[in-house]
Amino acid sequence: MQNTPWWAALLLVMNVIALLIGVKLLRRPPAAAPIAAKADPPVTQTSAPIAPAPAIPNRQQLIAAVVASIAEYEGTDFSSLRVVSFHQRREA
């Protein structure tokens, strides 16, 4: 068996350390915005109340149609699908 030179072992250790530092930097949350960007005056928002969403008429029929569409798209049987939750979202 051949012995590994000391410099090769040192390079291997340095690469592993650099890899760990790189992974840690990638998982770090992004830095805060620069202070110069905060100098802009804040945008005034109108205080329009958010009206509650109206009830969905024929909710069970809508869910059945959505599940049937998904099953048709995937090419599976609709009885193998299960709806866990169905929420109406606000428009952006």
N, C-alpha and C. Protein backbone atom coordinates (compact mmCIF):
# COMPACT_ATOMS: atom_id res chain seq x y z
N MET A 1 0.84 -1.16 0.00
CA MET A 1 0.00 0.00 0.00
C MET A 1 0.89 1.24 0.00
N GLN A 2 0.49 2.24 -0.78
CA GLN A 2 1.28 3.45 -0.90
C GLN A 2 0.79 4.48 0.11
N ASN A 3 1.73 5.18 0.76
CA ASN A 3 1.37 6.24 1.71
C ASN A 3 1.00 7.50 0.96
N THR A 4 -0.01 8.20 1.46
CA THR A 4 -0.44 9.47 0.88
C THR A 4 0.48 10.56 1.38
N PRO A 5 0.97 11.42 0.49
CA PRO A 5 1.84 12.50 0.94
C PRO A 5 1.07 13.47 1.86
N TRP A 6 1.79 14.14 2.73
CA TRP A 6 1.16 15.03 3.70
C TRP A 6 0.43 16.18 3.05
N TRP A 7 0.97 16.66 1.93
CA TRP A 7 0.35 17.80 1.27
C TRP A 7 -0.97 17.41 0.62
N ALA A 8 -1.10 16.16 0.17
CA ALA A 8 -2.35 15.71 -0.43
C ALA A 8 -3.44 15.60 0.64
N ALA A 9 -3.05 15.11 1.82
CA ALA A 9 -4.01 15.03 2.92
C ALA A 9 -4.43 16.42 3.36
N LEU A 10 -3.50 17.37 3.36
CA LEU A 10 -3.81 18.74 3.73
C LEU A 10 -4.76 19.37 2.72
N LEU A 11 -4.54 19.13 1.43
CA LEU A 11 -5.44 19.64 0.40
C LEU A 11 -6.85 19.05 0.54
N LEU A 12 -6.92 17.78 0.87
CA LEU A 12 -8.22 17.14 1.05
C LEU A 12 -8.97 17.75 2.22
N VAL A 13 -8.28 17.99 3.32
CA VAL A 13 -8.91 18.61 4.50
C VAL A 13 -9.37 20.03 4.17
N MET A 14 -8.54 20.79 3.45
CA MET A 14 -8.90 22.16 3.09
C MET A 14 -10.13 22.18 2.17
N ASN A 15 -10.23 21.23 1.25
CA ASN A 15 -11.40 21.14 0.37
C ASN A 15 -12.67 20.82 1.15
N VAL A 16 -12.56 19.93 2.11
CA VAL A 16 -13.73 19.58 2.92
C VAL A 16 -14.17 20.80 3.74
N ILE A 17 -13.23 21.53 4.30
CA ILE A 17 -13.58 22.74 5.07
C ILE A 17 -14.21 23.79 4.16
N ALA A 18 -13.68 23.99 2.97
CA ALA A 18 -14.26 24.95 2.04
C ALA A 18 -15.67 24.53 1.63
N LEU A 19 -15.88 23.25 1.44
CA LEU A 19 -17.21 22.76 1.10
C LEU A 19 -18.20 23.02 2.23
N LEU A 20 -17.81 22.78 3.46
CA LEU A 20 -18.69 23.02 4.59
C LEU A 20 -19.01 24.51 4.75
N ILE A 21 -18.02 25.36 4.54
CA ILE A 21 -18.25 26.81 4.62
C ILE A 21 -19.19 27.24 3.50
N GLY A 22 -19.02 26.71 2.31
CA GLY A 22 -19.90 27.04 1.19
C GLY A 22 -21.34 26.63 1.45
N VAL A 23 -21.53 25.45 2.00
CA VAL A 23 -22.89 25.00 2.32
C VAL A 23 -23.50 25.89 3.38
N LYS A 24 -22.72 26.28 4.37
CA LYS A 24 -23.24 27.15 5.43
C LYS A 24 -23.61 28.52 4.86
N LEU A 25 -22.82 29.05 3.92
CA LEU A 25 -23.12 30.34 3.32
C LEU A 25 -24.36 30.27 2.44
N LEU A 26 -24.59 29.14 1.77
CA LEU A 26 -25.77 29.00 0.93
C LEU A 26 -27.05 28.92 1.75
N ARG A 27 -26.97 28.35 2.94
CA ARG A 27 -28.16 28.22 3.78
C ARG A 27 -28.42 29.45 4.63
N ARG A 28 -27.52 30.43 4.60
CA ARG A 28 -27.68 31.64 5.39
C ARG A 28 -28.80 32.49 4.81
N PRO A 29 -29.62 33.11 5.67
CA PRO A 29 -30.67 33.98 5.14
C PRO A 29 -30.05 35.20 4.46
N PRO A 30 -30.75 35.78 3.49
CA PRO A 30 -30.18 36.92 2.77
C PRO A 30 -29.98 38.11 3.69
N ALA A 31 -29.00 38.93 3.34
CA ALA A 31 -28.69 40.11 4.15
C ALA A 31 -29.82 41.12 4.04
N ALA A 32 -29.89 41.98 5.03
CA ALA A 32 -30.93 43.02 5.05
C ALA A 32 -30.69 44.00 3.91
N ALA A 33 -31.74 44.70 3.52
CA ALA A 33 -31.64 45.68 2.45
C ALA A 33 -30.73 46.83 2.89
N PRO A 34 -30.02 47.46 1.96
CA PRO A 34 -29.16 48.57 2.33
C PRO A 34 -29.97 49.73 2.91
N ILE A 35 -29.33 50.52 3.73
CA ILE A 35 -29.99 51.63 4.40
C ILE A 35 -30.44 52.68 3.39
N ALA A 36 -29.71 52.85 2.30
CA ALA A 36 -30.06 53.85 1.30
C ALA A 36 -31.44 53.56 0.70
N ALA A 37 -31.82 52.31 0.60
CA ALA A 37 -33.12 51.97 0.04
C ALA A 37 -34.24 52.37 1.00
N LYS A 38 -33.95 52.46 2.29
CA LYS A 38 -34.96 52.83 3.26
C LYS A 38 -35.20 54.34 3.26
N ALA A 39 -34.39 55.12 2.56
CA ALA A 39 -34.53 56.56 2.55
C ALA A 39 -35.76 57.01 1.74
N ASP A 40 -36.29 56.16 0.88
CA ASP A 40 -37.48 56.51 0.11
C ASP A 40 -38.66 56.70 1.05
N PRO A 41 -39.53 57.65 0.74
CA PRO A 41 -40.70 57.84 1.61
C PRO A 41 -41.61 56.63 1.53
N PRO A 42 -42.23 56.27 2.64
CA PRO A 42 -43.10 55.09 2.60
C PRO A 42 -44.34 55.36 1.75
N VAL A 43 -44.81 54.31 1.12
CA VAL A 43 -45.99 54.41 0.27
C VAL A 43 -47.21 54.36 1.17
N THR A 44 -48.11 55.32 1.00
CA THR A 44 -49.31 55.36 1.81
C THR A 44 -50.33 54.39 1.24
N GLN A 45 -50.79 53.52 2.09
CA GLN A 45 -51.78 52.55 1.65
C GLN A 45 -53.17 53.04 2.04
N THR A 46 -54.11 52.78 1.19
CA THR A 46 -55.48 53.16 1.51
C THR A 46 -56.01 52.18 2.54
N SER A 47 -56.85 52.69 3.39
CA SER A 47 -57.37 51.84 4.45
C SER A 47 -58.72 51.25 4.06
N ALA A 48 -58.74 50.60 2.89
CA ALA A 48 -59.97 49.96 2.44
C ALA A 48 -60.11 48.65 3.20
N PRO A 49 -61.26 48.45 3.82
CA PRO A 49 -61.43 47.20 4.56
C PRO A 49 -61.49 46.01 3.61
N ILE A 50 -60.95 44.92 4.06
CA ILE A 50 -60.96 43.70 3.27
C ILE A 50 -62.27 42.98 3.56
N ALA A 51 -63.07 42.86 2.54
CA ALA A 51 -64.36 42.21 2.70
C ALA A 51 -64.16 40.71 2.75
N PRO A 52 -64.90 40.02 3.60
CA PRO A 52 -64.77 38.57 3.63
C PRO A 52 -65.23 37.96 2.30
N ALA A 53 -64.60 36.89 1.94
CA ALA A 53 -64.93 36.24 0.67
C ALA A 53 -66.33 35.66 0.75
N PRO A 54 -67.09 35.83 -0.31
CA PRO A 54 -68.44 35.26 -0.29
C PRO A 54 -68.38 33.74 -0.29
N ALA A 55 -69.40 33.13 0.25
CA ALA A 55 -69.45 31.67 0.29
C ALA A 55 -69.48 31.12 -1.13
N ILE A 56 -68.83 30.00 -1.33
CA ILE A 56 -68.78 29.37 -2.65
C ILE A 56 -70.07 28.58 -2.84
N PRO A 57 -70.87 28.95 -3.84
CA PRO A 57 -72.08 28.15 -4.07
C PRO A 57 -71.70 26.79 -4.66
N ASN A 58 -72.43 25.77 -4.27
CA ASN A 58 -72.19 24.41 -4.77
C ASN A 58 -70.74 23.98 -4.55
N ARG A 59 -70.26 24.14 -3.33
CA ARG A 59 -68.86 23.84 -2.99
C ARG A 59 -68.50 22.39 -3.31
N GLN A 60 -69.37 21.45 -2.99
CA GLN A 60 -69.07 20.03 -3.23
C GLN A 60 -68.96 19.74 -4.73
N GLN A 61 -69.78 20.37 -5.53
CA GLN A 61 -69.70 20.17 -6.98
C GLN A 61 -68.41 20.77 -7.54
N LEU A 62 -67.99 21.91 -6.99
CA LEU A 62 -66.75 22.53 -7.44
C LEU A 62 -65.55 21.64 -7.09
N ILE A 63 -65.53 21.10 -5.88
CA ILE A 63 -64.44 20.22 -5.47
C ILE A 63 -64.43 18.97 -6.33
N ALA A 64 -65.59 18.41 -6.62
CA ALA A 64 -65.66 17.23 -7.48
C ALA A 64 -65.13 17.52 -8.87
N ALA A 65 -65.45 18.69 -9.40
CA ALA A 65 -64.97 19.06 -10.74
C ALA A 65 -63.45 19.23 -10.74
N VAL A 66 -62.92 19.84 -9.70
CA VAL A 66 -61.47 20.04 -9.62
C VAL A 66 -60.76 18.70 -9.51
N VAL A 67 -61.27 17.81 -8.65
CA VAL A 67 -60.64 16.49 -8.48
C VAL A 67 -60.73 15.70 -9.77
N ALA A 68 -61.86 15.76 -10.48
CA ALA A 68 -61.98 15.05 -11.74
C ALA A 68 -61.01 15.60 -12.78
N SER A 69 -60.80 16.91 -12.79
CA SER A 69 -59.86 17.52 -13.73
C SER A 69 -58.44 17.08 -13.44
N ILE A 70 -58.07 17.06 -12.15
CA ILE A 70 -56.72 16.63 -11.78
C ILE A 70 -56.51 15.17 -12.13
N ALA A 71 -57.51 14.33 -11.87
CA ALA A 71 -57.40 12.91 -12.19
C ALA A 71 -57.26 12.70 -13.69
N GLU A 72 -58.02 13.46 -14.49
CA GLU A 72 -57.92 13.35 -15.94
C GLU A 72 -56.54 13.78 -16.43
N TYR A 73 -56.01 14.86 -15.85
CA TYR A 73 -54.69 15.36 -16.25
C TYR A 73 -53.60 14.34 -15.92
N GLU A 74 -53.70 13.72 -14.73
CA GLU A 74 -52.68 12.76 -14.31
C GLU A 74 -52.89 11.37 -14.92
N GLY A 75 -54.08 11.13 -15.45
CA GLY A 75 -54.35 9.82 -16.03
C GLY A 75 -54.61 8.76 -14.98
N THR A 76 -55.14 9.15 -13.82
CA THR A 76 -55.43 8.20 -12.75
C THR A 76 -56.93 8.17 -12.48
N ASP A 77 -57.33 7.26 -11.61
CA ASP A 77 -58.73 7.16 -11.21
C ASP A 77 -59.01 8.21 -10.15
N PHE A 78 -60.15 8.88 -10.25
CA PHE A 78 -60.44 9.96 -9.30
C PHE A 78 -60.68 9.45 -7.89
N SER A 79 -61.02 8.17 -7.73
CA SER A 79 -61.26 7.64 -6.39
C SER A 79 -59.96 7.49 -5.60
N SER A 80 -58.82 7.55 -6.28
CA SER A 80 -57.54 7.44 -5.57
C SER A 80 -57.07 8.79 -5.03
N LEU A 81 -57.77 9.87 -5.38
CA LEU A 81 -57.41 11.20 -4.90
C LEU A 81 -58.24 11.56 -3.68
N ARG A 82 -57.62 12.31 -2.76
CA ARG A 82 -58.32 12.75 -1.56
C ARG A 82 -58.08 14.23 -1.37
N VAL A 83 -59.13 14.99 -1.16
CA VAL A 83 -59.02 16.43 -0.93
C VAL A 83 -58.84 16.64 0.57
N VAL A 84 -57.73 17.25 0.95
CA VAL A 84 -57.45 17.51 2.36
C VAL A 84 -58.00 18.87 2.76
N SER A 85 -57.78 19.87 1.94
CA SER A 85 -58.32 21.20 2.24
C SER A 85 -58.57 21.91 0.92
N PHE A 86 -59.52 22.83 0.97
CA PHE A 86 -59.90 23.58 -0.22
C PHE A 86 -60.24 24.99 0.25
N HIS A 87 -59.33 25.94 -0.01
CA HIS A 87 -59.49 27.32 0.45
C HIS A 87 -59.52 28.26 -0.72
N GLN A 88 -60.37 29.26 -0.64
CA GLN A 88 -60.40 30.30 -1.64
C GLN A 88 -59.36 31.34 -1.25
N ARG A 89 -58.51 31.70 -2.19
CA ARG A 89 -57.45 32.67 -1.92
C ARG A 89 -57.85 34.03 -2.44
N ARG A 90 -57.32 35.07 -1.78
CA ARG A 90 -57.55 36.43 -2.24
C ARG A 90 -56.76 36.68 -3.50
N GLU A 91 -57.28 37.53 -4.37
CA GLU A 91 -56.55 37.90 -5.56
C GLU A 91 -55.46 38.89 -5.20
N ALA A 92 -54.32 38.78 -5.86
CA ALA A 92 -53.20 39.65 -5.55
C ALA A 92 -53.35 40.99 -6.19
